[in-house]
PDB file of N, CA and C in Angstrom:
ATOM      1  N   MET A   1      74.806 427.227 228.921  1.00  0.00           N
ATOM      2  CA  MET A   1      74.585 427.391 230.323  1.00  0.00           C
ATOM      3  C   MET A   1      75.849 427.108 231.121  1.00  0.00           C
ATOM      4  N   LEU A   2      76.654 426.133 230.680  1.00  0.00           N
ATOM      5  CA  LEU A   2      77.876 425.800 231.403  1.00  0.00           C
ATOM      6  C   LEU A   2      78.916 426.913 231.329  1.00  0.00           C
ATOM      7  N   GLU A   3      78.845 427.777 230.328  1.00  0.00           N
ATOM      8  CA  GLU A   3      79.846 428.840 230.203  1.00  0.00           C
ATOM      9  C   GLU A   3      79.729 429.878 231.308  1.00  0.00           C
ATOM     10  N   HIS A   4      78.618 429.924 232.041  1.00  0.00           N
ATOM     11  CA  HIS A   4      78.431 430.871 233.133  1.00  0.00           C
ATOM     12  C   HIS A   4      78.928 430.332 234.468  1.00  0.00           C
ATOM     13  N   LEU A   5      79.314 429.058 234.510  1.00  0.00           N
ATOM     14  CA  LEU A   5      79.801 428.453 235.749  1.00  0.00           C
ATOM     15  C   LEU A   5      81.306 428.680 235.895  1.00  0.00           C
ATOM     16  N   PRO A   6      81.808 428.715 237.120  1.00  0.00           N
ATOM     17  CA  PRO A   6      83.253 428.817 237.326  1.00  0.00           C
ATOM     18  C   PRO A   6      83.975 427.584 236.776  1.00  0.00           C
ATOM     19  N   ASN A   7      85.246 427.751 236.456  1.00  0.00           N
ATOM     20  CA  ASN A   7      86.028 426.662 235.856  1.00  0.00           C
ATOM     21  C   ASN A   7      86.086 425.435 236.750  1.00  0.00           C
ATOM     22  N   GLU A   8      86.200 425.615 238.064  1.00  0.00           N
ATOM     23  CA  GLU A   8      86.301 424.475 238.971  1.00  0.00           C
ATOM     24  C   GLU A   8      85.040 423.606 238.913  1.00  0.00           C
ATOM     25  N   ILE A   9      83.896 424.255 238.846  1.00  0.00           N
ATOM     26  CA  ILE A   9      82.632 423.506 238.783  1.00  0.00           C
ATOM     27  C   ILE A   9      82.495 422.800 237.449  1.00  0.00           C
ATOM     28  N   ARG A  10      82.867 423.471 236.362  1.00  0.00           N
ATOM     29  CA  ARG A  10      82.818 422.846 235.031  1.00  0.00           C
ATOM     30  C   ARG A  10      83.713 421.616 234.974  1.00  0.00           C
ATOM     31  N   GLU A  11      84.944 421.746 235.512  1.00  0.00           N
ATOM     32  CA  GLU A  11      85.877 420.613 235.514  1.00  0.00           C
ATOM     33  C   GLU A  11      85.347 419.470 236.379  1.00  0.00           C
ATOM     34  N   GLY A  12      84.723 419.819 237.508  1.00  0.00           N
ATOM     35  CA  GLY A  12      84.136 418.793 238.365  1.00  0.00           C
ATOM     36  C   GLY A  12      82.997 418.057 237.685  1.00  0.00           C
ATOM     37  N   LEU A  13      82.163 418.791 236.963  1.00  0.00           N
ATOM     38  CA  LEU A  13      81.058 418.162 236.225  1.00  0.00           C
ATOM     39  C   LEU A  13      81.578 417.246 235.120  1.00  0.00           C
ATOM     40  N   GLU A  14      82.622 417.679 234.432  1.00  0.00           N
ATOM     41  CA  GLU A  14      83.204 416.875 233.360  1.00  0.00           C
ATOM     42  C   GLU A  14      83.830 415.602 233.933  1.00  0.00           C
ATOM     43  N   ALA A  15      84.519 415.729 235.066  1.00  0.00           N
ATOM     44  CA  ALA A  15      85.124 414.552 235.709  1.00  0.00           C
ATOM     45  C   ALA A  15      84.042 413.577 236.172  1.00  0.00           C
ATOM     46  N   ALA A  16      82.942 414.097 236.706  1.00  0.00           N
ATOM     47  CA  ALA A  16      81.835 413.231 237.139  1.00  0.00           C
ATOM     48  C   ALA A  16      81.202 412.528 235.949  1.00  0.00           C
ATOM     49  N   ARG A  17      81.063 413.223 234.823  1.00  0.00           N
ATOM     50  CA  ARG A  17      80.503 412.616 233.616  1.00  0.00           C
ATOM     51  C   ARG A  17      81.389 411.471 233.142  1.00  0.00           C
ATOM     52  N   LEU A  18      82.712 411.673 233.118  1.00  0.00           N
ATOM     53  CA  LEU A  18      83.628 410.621 232.684  1.00  0.00           C
ATOM     54  C   LEU A  18      83.616 409.435 233.649  1.00  0.00           C
ATOM     55  N   ARG A  19      83.532 409.699 234.954  1.00  0.00           N
ATOM     56  CA  ARG A  19      83.455 408.612 235.931  1.00  0.00           C
ATOM     57  C   ARG A  19      82.214 407.761 235.706  1.00  0.00           C
ATOM     58  N   GLU A  20      81.086 408.419 235.441  1.00  0.00           N
ATOM     59  CA  GLU A  20      79.835 407.688 235.205  1.00  0.00           C
ATOM     60  C   GLU A  20      79.918 406.848 233.934  1.00  0.00           C
ATOM     61  N   LEU A  21      80.533 407.378 232.878  1.00  0.00           N
ATOM     62  CA  LEU A  21      80.695 406.605 231.645  1.00  0.00           C
ATOM     63  C   LEU A  21      81.600 405.403 231.872  1.00  0.00           C
ATOM     64  N   LYS A  22      82.650 405.568 232.683  1.00  0.00           N
ATOM     65  CA  LYS A  22      83.558 404.446 232.968  1.00  0.00           C
ATOM     66  C   LYS A  22      82.840 403.343 233.731  1.00  0.00           C
ATOM     67  N   LYS A  23      81.959 403.710 234.651  1.00  0.00           N
ATOM     68  CA  LYS A  23      81.223 402.712 235.424  1.00  0.00           C
ATOM     69  C   LYS A  23      80.316 401.873 234.535  1.00  0.00           C
ATOM     70  N   ARG A  24      79.678 402.527 233.556  1.00  0.00           N
ATOM     71  CA  ARG A  24      78.719 401.829 232.694  1.00  0.00           C
ATOM     72  C   ARG A  24      79.385 401.106 231.539  1.00  0.00           C
ATOM     73  N   ALA A  25      80.691 401.286 231.348  1.00  0.00           N
ATOM     74  CA  ALA A  25      81.386 400.722 230.188  1.00  0.00           C
ATOM     75  C   ALA A  25      81.383 399.199 230.251  1.00  0.00           C
ATOM     76  N   LYS A  26      80.776 398.568 229.257  1.00  0.00           N
ATOM     77  CA  LYS A  26      80.785 397.119 229.134  1.00  0.00           C
ATOM     78  C   LYS A  26      81.735 396.687 228.024  1.00  0.00           C
ATOM     79  N   LEU A  27      81.804 397.487 226.970  1.00  0.00           N
ATOM     80  CA  LEU A  27      82.654 397.153 225.841  1.00  0.00           C
ATOM     81  C   LEU A  27      84.094 397.552 226.134  1.00  0.00           C
ATOM     82  N   ARG A  28      85.026 396.853 225.486  1.00  0.00           N
ATOM     83  CA  ARG A  28      86.432 397.210 225.604  1.00  0.00           C
ATOM     84  C   ARG A  28      87.111 396.985 224.263  1.00  0.00           C
ATOM     85  N   VAL A  29      88.143 397.782 224.011  1.00  0.00           N
ATOM     86  CA  VAL A  29      88.910 397.700 222.771  1.00  0.00           C
ATOM     87  C   VAL A  29      90.242 397.050 223.084  1.00  0.00           C
ATOM     88  N   GLN A  30      90.644 396.106 222.255  1.00  0.00           N
ATOM     89  CA  GLN A  30      91.940 395.468 222.426  1.00  0.00           C
ATOM     90  C   GLN A  30      92.794 395.787 221.209  1.00  0.00           C
ATOM     91  N   VAL A  31      93.956 396.393 221.486  1.00  0.00           N
ATOM     92  CA  VAL A  31      94.927 396.716 220.449  1.00  0.00           C
ATOM     93  C   VAL A  31      96.208 395.989 220.829  1.00  0.00           C
ATOM     94  N   GLY A  32      96.502 394.893 220.165  1.00  0.00           N
ATOM     95  CA  GLY A  32      97.650 394.081 220.565  1.00  0.00           C
ATOM     96  C   GLY A  32      97.388 393.507 221.951  1.00  0.00           C
ATOM     97  N   GLU A  33      98.256 393.835 222.916  1.00  0.00           N
ATOM     98  CA  GLU A  33      98.076 393.385 224.294  1.00  0.00           C
ATOM     99  C   GLU A  33      97.365 394.424 225.153  1.00  0.00           C
ATOM    100  N   ALA A  34      97.243 395.659 224.670  1.00  0.00           N
ATOM    101  CA  ALA A  34      96.622 396.742 225.444  1.00  0.00           C
ATOM    102  C   ALA A  34      95.101 396.660 225.356  1.00  0.00           C
ATOM    103  N   VAL A  35      94.423 396.947 226.480  1.00  0.00           N
ATOM    104  CA  VAL A  35      92.966 396.902 226.552  1.00  0.00           C
ATOM    105  C   VAL A  35      92.475 398.231 227.127  1.00  0.00           C
ATOM    106  N   PHE A  36      91.469 398.833 226.470  1.00  0.00           N
ATOM    107  CA  PHE A  36      90.910 400.115 226.895  1.00  0.00           C
ATOM    108  C   PHE A  36      89.390 400.010 226.961  1.00  0.00           C
ATOM    109  N   PRO A  37      88.747 400.540 228.015  1.00  0.00           N
ATOM    110  CA  PRO A  37      87.278 400.514 228.088  1.00  0.00           C
ATOM    111  C   PRO A  37      86.669 401.521 227.112  1.00  0.00           C
ATOM    112  N   VAL A  38      85.573 401.132 226.483  1.00  0.00           N
ATOM    113  CA  VAL A  38      84.851 402.002 225.548  1.00  0.00           C
ATOM    114  C   VAL A  38      83.813 402.787 226.341  1.00  0.00           C
ATOM    115  N   LEU A  39      83.887 404.116 226.268  1.00  0.00           N
ATOM    116  CA  LEU A  39      82.931 404.959 226.983  1.00  0.00           C
ATOM    117  C   LEU A  39      81.618 405.077 226.219  1.00  0.00           C
ATOM    118  N   ARG A  40      81.717 405.317 224.913  1.00  0.00           N
ATOM    119  CA  ARG A  40      80.522 405.449 224.063  1.00  0.00           C
ATOM    120  C   ARG A  40      80.786 404.717 222.758  1.00  0.00           C
ATOM    121  N   PHE A  41      79.718 404.175 222.150  1.00  0.00           N
ATOM    122  CA  PHE A  41      79.822 403.457 220.875  1.00  0.00           C
ATOM    123  C   PHE A  41      78.643 403.857 220.018  1.00  0.00           C
ATOM    124  N   TRP A  42      78.872 404.208 218.743  1.00  0.00           N
ATOM    125  CA  TRP A  42      77.796 404.555 217.809  1.00  0.00           C
ATOM    126  C   TRP A  42      78.091 403.911 216.470  1.00  0.00           C
ATOM    127  N   HIS A  43      77.250 404.140 215.465  1.00  0.00           N
ATOM    128  CA  HIS A  43      77.302 403.375 214.217  1.00  0.00           C
ATOM    129  C   HIS A  43      78.601 403.543 213.428  1.00  0.00           C
ATOM    130  N   ASP A  44      79.324 404.650 213.570  1.00  0.00           N
ATOM    131  CA  ASP A  44      80.568 404.810 212.807  1.00  0.00           C
ATOM    132  C   ASP A  44      81.741 405.237 213.679  1.00  0.00           C
ATOM    133  N   GLY A  45      81.700 404.918 214.974  1.00  0.00           N
ATOM    134  CA  GLY A  45      82.826 405.248 215.832  1.00  0.00           C
ATOM    135  C   GLY A  45      82.588 404.907 217.289  1.00  0.00           C
ATOM    136  N   PHE A  46      83.579 405.223 218.103  1.00  0.00           N
ATOM    137  CA  PHE A  46      83.482 405.016 219.546  1.00  0.00           C
ATOM    138  C   PHE A  46      84.422 405.987 220.232  1.00  0.00           C
ATOM    139  N   ALA A  47      84.275 406.102 221.555  1.00  0.00           N
ATOM    140  CA  ALA A  47      85.098 407.016 222.342  1.00  0.00           C
ATOM    141  C   ALA A  47      85.739 406.266 223.500  1.00  0.00           C
ATOM    142  N   LEU A  48      87.018 406.588 223.751  1.00  0.00           N
ATOM    143  CA  LEU A  48      87.774 406.025 224.853  1.00  0.00           C
ATOM    144  C   LEU A  48      88.180 407.150 225.793  1.00  0.00           C
ATOM    145  N   ASP A  49      88.573 406.812 227.005  1.00  0.00           N
ATOM    146  CA  ASP A  49      89.093 407.801 227.938  1.00  0.00           C
ATOM    147  C   ASP A  49      90.478 408.222 227.451  1.00  0.00           C
ATOM    148  N   ALA A  50      90.672 409.518 227.213  1.00  0.00           N
ATOM    149  CA  ALA A  50      91.932 410.014 226.659  1.00  0.00           C
ATOM    150  C   ALA A  50      93.086 409.849 227.632  1.00  0.00           C
ATOM    151  N   SER A  51      92.809 409.820 228.931  1.00  0.00           N
ATOM    152  CA  SER A  51      93.902 409.667 229.898  1.00  0.00           C
ATOM    153  C   SER A  51      94.447 408.243 229.925  1.00  0.00           C
ATOM    154  N   LEU A  52      93.662 407.261 229.510  1.00  0.00           N
ATOM    155  CA  LEU A  52      94.098 405.867 229.503  1.00  0.00           C
ATOM    156  C   LEU A  52      94.611 405.412 228.142  1.00  0.00           C
ATOM    157  N   ALA A  53      94.049 405.970 227.076  1.00  0.00           N
ATOM    158  CA  ALA A  53      94.356 405.524 225.718  1.00  0.00           C
ATOM    159  C   ALA A  53      95.580 406.254 225.176  1.00  0.00           C
ATOM    160  N   PRO A  54      96.210 405.693 224.136  1.00  0.00           N
ATOM    161  CA  PRO A  54      97.319 406.399 223.495  1.00  0.00           C
ATOM    162  C   PRO A  54      96.818 407.657 222.796  1.00  0.00           C
ATOM    163  N   GLY A  55      97.724 408.562 222.465  1.00  0.00           N
ATOM    164  CA  GLY A  55      97.349 409.832 221.840  1.00  0.00           C
ATOM    165  C   GLY A  55      96.583 409.670 220.538  1.00  0.00           C
ATOM    166  N   LYS A  56      96.999 408.782 219.679  1.00  0.00           N
ATOM    167  CA  LYS A  56      96.315 408.501 218.415  1.00  0.00           C
ATOM    168  C   LYS A  56      96.124 407.000 218.303  1.00  0.00           C
ATOM    169  N   LEU A  57      95.077 406.608 217.632  1.00  0.00           N
ATOM    170  CA  LEU A  57      94.780 405.188 217.455  1.00  0.00           C
ATOM    171  C   LEU A  57      94.353 404.988 216.013  1.00  0.00           C
ATOM    172  N   ARG A  58      95.037 404.108 215.304  1.00  0.00           N
ATOM    173  CA  ARG A  58      94.708 403.799 213.913  1.00  0.00           C
ATOM    174  C   ARG A  58      94.919 402.319 213.679  1.00  0.00           C
ATOM    175  N   GLY A  59      94.257 401.805 212.654  1.00  0.00           N
ATOM    176  CA  GLY A  59      94.456 400.416 212.275  1.00  0.00           C
ATOM    177  C   GLY A  59      93.339 399.503 212.736  1.00  0.00           C
ATOM    178  N   LEU A  60      93.645 398.227 212.754  1.00  0.00           N
ATOM    179  CA  LEU A  60      92.665 397.185 213.055  1.00  0.00           C
ATOM    180  C   LEU A  60      92.622 396.924 214.558  1.00  0.00           C
ATOM    181  N   VAL A  61      91.422 396.994 215.140  1.00  0.00           N
ATOM    182  CA  VAL A  61      91.233 396.739 216.570  1.00  0.00           C
ATOM    183  C   VAL A  61      90.084 395.751 216.748  1.00  0.00           C
ATOM    184  N   ASP A  62      90.074 395.097 217.898  1.00  0.00           N
ATOM    185  CA  ASP A  62      89.006 394.164 218.251  1.00  0.00           C
ATOM    186  C   ASP A  62      88.206 394.748 219.396  1.00  0.00           C
ATOM    187  N   ILE A  63      86.870 394.597 219.342  1.00  0.00           N
ATOM    188  CA  ILE A  63      85.986 395.083 220.390  1.00  0.00           C
ATOM    189  C   ILE A  63      85.323 393.875 221.045  1.00  0.00           C
ATOM    190  N   TYR A  64      85.382 393.845 222.380  1.00  0.00           N
ATOM    191  CA  TYR A  64      84.844 392.749 223.161  1.00  0.00           C
ATOM    192  C   TYR A  64      83.749 393.248 224.083  1.00  0.00           C
ATOM    193  N   ASP A  65      82.756 392.402 224.312  1.00  0.00           N
ATOM    194  CA  ASP A  65      81.722 392.633 225.317  1.00  0.00           C
ATOM    195  C   ASP A  65      81.940 391.567 226.380  1.00  0.00           C
ATOM    196  N   GLY A  66      82.691 391.910 227.413  1.00  0.00           N
ATOM    197  CA  GLY A  66      83.123 390.914 228.382  1.00  0.00           C
ATOM    198  C   GLY A  66      84.102 389.977 227.696  1.00  0.00           C
ATOM    199  N   PRO A  67      83.909 388.658 227.780  1.00  0.00           N
ATOM    200  CA  PRO A  67      84.822 387.734 227.106  1.00  0.00           C
ATOM    201  C   PRO A  67      84.454 387.466 225.639  1.00  0.00           C
ATOM    202  N   ARG A  68      83.309 387.965 225.205  1.00  0.00           N
ATOM    203  CA  ARG A  68      82.791 387.666 223.853  1.00  0.00           C
ATOM    204  C   ARG A  68      83.326 388.674 222.833  1.00  0.00           C
ATOM    205  N   HIS A  69      83.973 388.180 221.775  1.00  0.00           N
ATOM    206  CA  HIS A  69      84.475 389.007 220.683  1.00  0.00           C
ATOM    207  C   HIS A  69      83.287 389.433 219.828  1.00  0.00           C
ATOM    208  N   VAL A  70      83.041 390.758 219.737  1.00  0.00           N
ATOM    209  CA  VAL A  70      81.843 391.249 219.081  1.00  0.00           C
ATOM    210  C   VAL A  70      82.132 391.821 217.698  1.00  0.00           C
ATOM    211  N   PHE A  71      83.097 392.754 217.595  1.00  0.00           N
ATOM    212  CA  PHE A  71      83.389 393.442 216.340  1.00  0.00           C
ATOM    213  C   PHE A  71      84.882 393.474 216.074  1.00  0.00           C
ATOM    214  N   GLN A  72      85.196 393.623 214.793  1.00  0.00           N
ATOM    215  CA  GLN A  72      86.545 393.945 214.364  1.00  0.00           C
ATOM    216  C   GLN A  72      86.422 395.232 213.550  1.00  0.00           C
ATOM    217  N   CYS A  73      87.176 396.266 213.934  1.00  0.00           N
ATOM    218  CA  CYS A  73      87.024 397.592 213.330  1.00  0.00           C
ATOM    219  C   CYS A  73      88.332 398.070 212.724  1.00  0.00           C
ATOM    220  N   LEU A  74      88.223 398.818 211.635  1.00  0.00           N
ATOM    221  CA  LEU A  74      89.371 399.474 211.014  1.00  0.00           C
ATOM    222  C   LEU A  74      89.251 400.962 211.290  1.00  0.00           C
ATOM    223  N   ILE A  75      90.092 401.479 212.182  1.00  0.00           N
ATOM    224  CA  ILE A  75      90.043 402.887 212.573  1.00  0.00           C
ATOM    225  C   ILE A  75      90.846 403.706 211.577  1.00  0.00           C
ATOM    226  N   VAL A  76      90.240 404.772 211.061  1.00  0.00           N
ATOM    227  CA  VAL A  76      90.917 405.638 210.102  1.00  0.00           C
ATOM    228  C   VAL A  76      91.254 407.001 210.687  1.00  0.00           C
ATOM    229  N   ALA A  77      90.586 407.423 211.742  1.00  0.00           N
ATOM    230  CA  ALA A  77      90.853 408.734 212.324  1.00  0.00           C
ATOM    231  C   ALA A  77      90.554 408.706 213.813  1.00  0.00           C
ATOM    232  N   SER A  78      91.351 409.476 214.578  1.00  0.00           N
ATOM    233  CA  SER A  78      91.081 409.632 216.001  1.00  0.00           C
ATOM    234  C   SER A  78      91.504 411.028 216.418  1.00  0.00           C
ATOM    235  N   ALA A  79      90.762 411.592 217.338  1.00  0.00           N
ATOM    236  CA  ALA A  79      91.045 412.938 217.840  1.00  0.00           C
ATOM    237  C   ALA A  79      90.590 413.021 219.291  1.00  0.00           C
ATOM    238  N   ILE A  80      91.233 413.899 220.055  1.00  0.00           N
ATOM    239  CA  ILE A  80      90.868 414.080 221.456  1.00  0.00           C
ATOM    240  C   ILE A  80      89.878 415.237 221.563  1.00  0.00           C
ATOM    241  N   GLU A  81      88.713 414.959 222.146  1.00  0.00           N
ATOM    242  CA  GLU A  81      87.666 415.948 222.344  1.00  0.00           C
ATOM    243  C   GLU A  81      87.089 415.790 223.748  1.00  0.00           C
ATOM    244  N   ARG A  82      87.127 416.842 224.549  1.00  0.00           N
ATOM    245  CA  ARG A  82      86.529 416.866 225.887  1.00  0.00           C
ATOM    246  C   ARG A  82      86.976 415.693 226.758  1.00  0.00           C
ATOM    247  N   GLY A  83      88.260 415.370 226.729  1.00  0.00           N
ATOM    248  CA  GLY A  83      88.785 414.302 227.566  1.00  0.00           C
ATOM    249  C   GLY A  83      88.546 412.907 227.031  1.00  0.00           C
ATOM    250  N   GLU A  84      88.063 412.801 225.810  1.00  0.00           N
ATOM    251  CA  GLU A  84      87.802 411.502 225.185  1.00  0.00           C
ATOM    252  C   GLU A  84      88.606 411.383 223.903  1.00  0.00           C
ATOM    253  N   LEU A  85      89.100 410.192 223.625  1.00  0.00           N
ATOM    254  CA  LEU A  85      89.728 409.893 222.354  1.00  0.00           C
ATOM    255  C   LEU A  85      88.626 409.358 221.451  1.00  0.00           C
ATOM    256  N   VAL A  86      88.180 410.168 220.504  1.00  0.00           N
ATOM    257  CA  VAL A  86      87.072 409.805 219.617  1.00  0.00           C
ATOM    258  C   VAL A  86      87.658 409.163 218.360  1.00  0.00           C
ATOM    259  N   CYS A  87      87.262 407.922 218.090  1.00  0.00           N
ATOM    260  CA  CYS A  87      87.778 407.154 216.957  1.00  0.00           C
ATOM    261  C   CYS A  87      86.658 406.928 215.949  1.00  0.00           C
ATOM    262  N   ASP A  88      86.951 407.205 214.691  1.00  0.00           N
ATOM    263  CA  ASP A  88      86.022 406.932 213.587  1.00  0.00           C
ATOM    264  C   ASP A  88      86.565 405.750 212.810  1.00  0.00           C
ATOM    265  N   PHE A  89      85.671 404.821 212.438  1.00  0.00           N
ATOM    266  CA  PHE A  89      86.156 403.693 211.683  1.00  0.00           C
ATOM    267  C   PHE A  89      85.580 403.649 210.277  1.00  0.00           C
ATOM    268  N   LYS A  90      86.381 403.049 209.425  1.00  0.00           N
ATOM    269  CA  LYS A  90      86.016 402.903 208.016  1.00  0.00           C
ATOM    270  C   LYS A  90      85.085 401.714 207.831  1.00  0.00           C
ATOM    271  N   ARG A  91      85.364 400.656 208.577  1.00  0.00           N
ATOM    272  CA  ARG A  91      84.501 399.479 208.506  1.00  0.00           C
ATOM    273  C   ARG A  91      84.418 398.837 209.869  1.00  0.00           C
ATOM    274  N   VAL A  92      83.288 398.225 210.124  1.00  0.00           N
ATOM    275  CA  VAL A  92      83.083 397.442 211.336  1.00  0.00           C
ATOM    276  C   VAL A  92      82.462 396.120 210.902  1.00  0.00           C
ATOM    277  N   THR A  93      83.056 395.020 211.347  1.00  0.00           N
ATOM    278  CA  THR A  93      82.603 393.698 210.953  1.00  0.00           C
ATOM    279  C   THR A  93      82.186 392.929 212.199  1.00  0.00           C
ATOM    280  N   ALA A  94      80.965 392.450 212.191  1.00  0.00           N
ATOM    281  CA  ALA A  94      80.483 391.626 213.302  1.00  0.00           C
ATOM    282  C   ALA A  94      81.186 390.279 213.248  1.00  0.00           C
ATOM    283  N   VAL A  95      81.606 389.804 214.393  1.00  0.00           N
ATOM    284  CA  VAL A  95      82.303 388.520 214.482  1.00  0.00           C
ATOM    285  C   VAL A  95      81.276 387.442 214.780  1.00  0.00           C
ATOM    286  N   SER A  96      81.343 386.352 214.040  1.00  0.00           N
ATOM    287  CA  SER A  96      80.419 385.241 214.212  1.00  0.00           C
ATOM    288  C   SER A  96      81.153 384.075 214.858  1.00  0.00           C
ATOM    289  N   ASP A  97      80.418 383.253 215.581  1.00  0.00           N
ATOM    290  CA  ASP A  97      81.036 382.099 216.230  1.00  0.00           C
ATOM    291  C   ASP A  97      81.016 380.854 215.347  1.00  0.00           C
ATOM    292  N   ARG A  98      80.504 380.983 214.144  1.00  0.00           N
ATOM    293  CA  ARG A  98      80.504 379.861 213.210  1.00  0.00           C
ATOM    294  C   ARG A  98      80.825 380.361 211.807  1.00  0.00           C
ATOM    295  N   ALA A  99      81.211 379.443 210.949  1.00  0.00           N
ATOM    296  CA  ALA A  99      81.584 379.798 209.578  1.00  0.00           C
ATOM    297  C   ALA A  99      80.356 380.247 208.792  1.00  0.00           C
ATOM    298  N   ALA A 100      80.576 381.134 207.841  1.00  0.00           N
ATOM    299  CA  ALA A 100      79.489 381.611 206.993  1.00  0.00           C
ATOM    300  C   ALA A 100      79.044 380.496 206.049  1.00  0.00           C
ATOM    301  N   LEU A 101      77.740 380.436 205.791  1.00  0.00           N
ATOM    302  CA  LEU A 101      77.208 379.429 204.868  1.00  0.00           C
ATOM    303  C   LEU A 101      77.271 379.956 203.445  1.00  0.00           C
ATOM    304  N   ASP A 102      77.585 379.084 202.514  1.00  0.00           N
ATOM    305  CA  ASP A 102      77.594 379.488 201.114  1.00  0.00           C
ATOM    306  C   ASP A 102      76.362 378.947 200.385  1.00  0.00           C
ATOM    307  N   TYR A 103      75.323 378.617 201.146  1.00  0.00           N
ATOM    308  CA  TYR A 103      74.064 378.151 200.590  1.00  0.00           C
ATOM    309  C   TYR A 103      72.941 378.589 201.515  1.00  0.00           C
ATOM    310  N   TRP A 104      71.707 378.529 201.022  1.00  0.00           N
ATOM    311  CA  TRP A 104      70.556 378.922 201.826  1.00  0.00           C
ATOM    312  C   TRP A 104      70.045 377.704 202.575  1.00  0.00           C
ATOM    313  N   ARG A 105      69.783 377.869 203.879  1.00  0.00           N
ATOM    314  CA  ARG A 105      69.274 376.771 204.693  1.00  0.00           C
ATOM    315  C   ARG A 105      67.856 377.114 205.144  1.00  0.00           C
ATOM    316  N   ALA A 106      66.927 376.213 204.885  1.00  0.00           N
ATOM    317  CA  ALA A 106      65.543 376.427 205.297  1.00  0.00           C
ATOM    318  C   ALA A 106      65.432 376.319 206.812  1.00  0.00           C
ATOM    319  N   GLU A 107      64.445 377.006 207.375  1.00  0.00           N
ATOM    320  CA  GLU A 107      64.242 376.985 208.829  1.00  0.00           C
ATOM    321  C   GLU A 107      63.918 375.580 209.336  1.00  0.00           C
ATOM    322  N   ASP A 108      63.151 374.823 208.555  1.00  0.00           N
ATOM    323  CA  ASP A 108      62.732 373.497 208.996  1.00  0.00           C
ATOM    324  C   ASP A 108      63.572 372.377 208.367  1.00  0.00           C
ATOM    325  N   ALA A 109      64.764 372.682 207.885  1.00  0.00           N
ATOM    326  CA  ALA A 109      65.629 371.669 207.274  1.00  0.00           C
ATOM    327  C   ALA A 109      66.133 370.705 208.331  1.00  0.00           C
ATOM    328  N   PRO A 110      66.282 369.432 207.977  1.00  0.00           N
ATOM    329  CA  PRO A 110      66.806 368.462 208.948  1.00  0.00           C
ATOM    330  C   PRO A 110      68.278 368.749 209.232  1.00  0.00           C
ATOM    331  N   VAL A 111      68.686 368.426 210.441  1.00  0.00           N
ATOM    332  CA  VAL A 111      70.062 368.665 210.843  1.00  0.00           C
ATOM    333  C   VAL A 111      70.979 367.580 210.276  1.00  0.00           C
ATOM    334  N   GLY A 112      70.492 366.360 210.200  1.00  0.00           N
ATOM    335  CA  GLY A 112      71.293 365.259 209.678  1.00  0.00           C
ATOM    336  C   GLY A 112      70.377 364.154 209.153  1.00  0.00           C
ATOM    337  N   TYR A 113      70.969 363.128 208.597  1.00  0.00           N
ATOM    338  CA  TYR A 113      70.209 362.009 208.086  1.00  0.00           C
ATOM    339  C   TYR A 113      70.217 360.880 209.093  1.00  0.00           C
ATOM    340  N   LEU A 114      69.076 360.219 209.207  1.00  0.00           N
ATOM    341  CA  LEU A 114      68.969 359.070 210.077  1.00  0.00           C
ATOM    342  C   LEU A 114      69.234 357.797 209.258  1.00  0.00           C
ATOM    343  N   PRO A 115      69.966 356.841 209.823  1.00  0.00           N
ATOM    344  CA  PRO A 115      70.227 355.595 209.067  1.00  0.00           C
ATOM    345  C   PRO A 115      68.956 354.757 208.978  1.00  0.00           C
ATOM    346  N   ARG A 116      68.908 353.938 207.928  1.00  0.00           N
ATOM    347  CA  ARG A 116      67.754 353.027 207.764  1.00  0.00           C
ATOM    348  C   ARG A 116      67.862 351.919 208.786  1.00  0.00           C
ATOM    349  N   SER A 117      66.724 351.503 209.302  1.00  0.00           N
ATOM    350  CA  SER A 117      66.762 350.448 210.312  1.00  0.00           C
ATOM    351  C   SER A 117      66.387 349.109 209.747  1.00  0.00           C
TER     352      SER A 117
END
């Protein structure tokens, strides 16, 4: 349906779509000192605004939700599609705020021992 519209209207619709995605963007990608807002995020990739991001993006990046570190991703491929830099990652690792346990802890386990009185 969009192919029947004039180019100016198509470009205006695309610009409006990107503006709306930028407004809703909560996630951001940090590469070294550079920070880019994430427009879309799915199970094996994410999209950035191509006008703000570098031409290609590869390697290890960190994804934040506000100040909270959420994921660490290894990007293996990126391409520009419809004004977005679409990045595919090989692995995504959720970041935890505590060390991983090497044993099973029961739900009702005591937190510590009380001294004898």
